[in-house]
Amino acid sequence: MFDLTQQLDVFPTAVDLKRIDPSRNMRRFYRMSVQPDLFGGACLVREWGRIGLRGQMLIEPHDDEGKAVTALMKLSATKTRRGYRAVTE
């Protein structure tokens, strides 16, 4: 019927962003990922800080993976508007 692996590729479950501005001595990273929890829901794990340092972490619980992915996409759009760019490797 449907290939679930192909369907899941449409919505990213992890995003790595960087914002580098040498004139302002700014070297920041922002990392987000959706991970399952032990109770059938999903968590949006957010990490941010200065590149090369440990940074901070926040875990947001969500009822299901769809809501967590929606939150990831909204936050990613906000960070992109603020000057963050996707990491390409």
Protein backbone atom coordinates (compact mmCIF):
# COMPACT_ATOMS: atom_id res chain seq x y z
CA MET A 1 0.00 0.00 0.00
CA PHE A 2 2.24 2.85 1.25
CA ASP A 3 5.98 2.82 1.76
CA LEU A 4 6.34 4.31 5.27
CA THR A 5 10.07 4.96 4.91
CA GLN A 6 9.40 7.12 1.87
CA GLN A 7 6.59 8.99 3.64
CA LEU A 8 8.70 9.76 6.71
CA ASP A 9 11.43 11.39 4.58
CA VAL A 10 9.01 14.20 3.68
CA PHE A 11 9.05 15.55 7.25
CA PRO A 12 12.50 15.95 8.81
CA THR A 13 13.02 14.65 12.33
CA ALA A 14 16.36 16.43 12.84
CA VAL A 15 17.62 19.88 11.87
CA ASP A 16 21.10 21.42 12.37
CA LEU A 17 21.42 25.18 11.98
CA LYS A 18 24.33 27.63 12.28
CA ARG A 19 24.61 31.39 12.41
CA ILE A 20 28.06 32.83 11.81
CA ASP A 21 28.75 36.57 11.62
CA PRO A 22 32.47 37.42 12.05
CA SER A 23 31.83 41.18 12.27
CA ARG A 24 29.74 40.60 15.44
CA ASN A 25 31.92 37.74 16.75
CA MET A 26 28.86 35.49 16.47
CA ARG A 27 29.25 31.72 16.02
CA ARG A 28 26.07 29.96 17.14
CA PHE A 29 24.48 26.58 16.57
CA TYR A 30 20.91 25.35 17.00
CA ARG A 31 20.12 21.63 16.81
CA MET A 32 16.65 20.05 17.00
CA SER A 33 15.52 16.44 16.84
CA VAL A 34 12.30 14.50 17.41
CA GLN A 35 12.76 11.43 19.61
CA PRO A 36 10.23 8.92 20.98
CA ASP A 37 9.60 8.83 24.71
CA LEU A 38 8.76 5.85 26.93
CA PHE A 39 5.03 6.63 27.10
CA GLY A 40 4.08 6.52 23.41
CA GLY A 41 4.57 10.22 22.76
CA ALA A 42 7.46 12.13 21.27
CA CYS A 43 9.85 14.79 22.50
CA LEU A 44 11.39 17.72 20.67
CA VAL A 45 14.99 17.94 21.89
CA ARG A 46 16.51 21.40 21.37
CA GLU A 47 20.19 22.25 21.83
CA TRP A 48 21.78 25.65 21.27
CA GLY A 49 24.83 27.70 22.12
CA ARG A 50 28.17 28.96 20.88
CA ILE A 51 30.00 26.71 18.41
CA GLY A 52 32.75 24.86 20.23
CA LEU A 53 31.08 25.05 23.64
CA ARG A 54 28.60 22.73 25.34
CA GLY A 55 25.49 24.93 25.08
CA GLN A 56 22.07 24.35 26.60
CA MET A 57 19.37 21.72 26.14
CA LEU A 58 15.59 21.74 26.44
CA ILE A 59 13.25 18.75 26.06
CA GLU A 60 9.64 19.51 25.07
CA PRO A 61 7.18 16.61 25.46
CA HIS A 62 4.42 16.26 22.82
CA ASP A 63 1.45 13.91 22.55
CA ASP A 64 2.58 12.32 19.29
CA GLU A 65 5.31 12.51 16.67
CA GLY A 66 3.20 14.64 14.32
CA LYS A 67 2.86 17.45 16.85
CA ALA A 68 6.57 17.30 17.65
CA VAL A 69 7.48 17.52 13.94
CA THR A 70 5.10 20.47 13.53
CA ALA A 71 6.80 22.26 16.43
CA LEU A 72 10.21 21.49 14.88
CA MET A 73 9.17 22.94 11.52
CA LYS A 74 7.74 26.13 13.08
CA LEU A 75 10.86 26.68 15.19
CA SER A 76 13.11 25.98 12.21
CA ALA A 77 11.25 28.61 10.14
CA THR A 78 11.61 31.15 12.97
CA LYS A 79 15.35 30.51 13.29
CA THR A 80 15.82 30.75 9.52
CA ARG A 81 14.13 34.18 9.53
CA ARG A 82 16.57 35.25 12.27
CA GLY A 83 19.61 34.41 10.15
CA TYR A 84 20.35 30.75 10.90
CA ARG A 85 21.24 28.55 7.92
CA ALA A 86 21.03 24.77 7.51
CA VAL A 87 24.27 22.87 7.91
CA THR A 88 25.22 21.13 4.66
CA GLU A 89 27.73 18.31 4.91
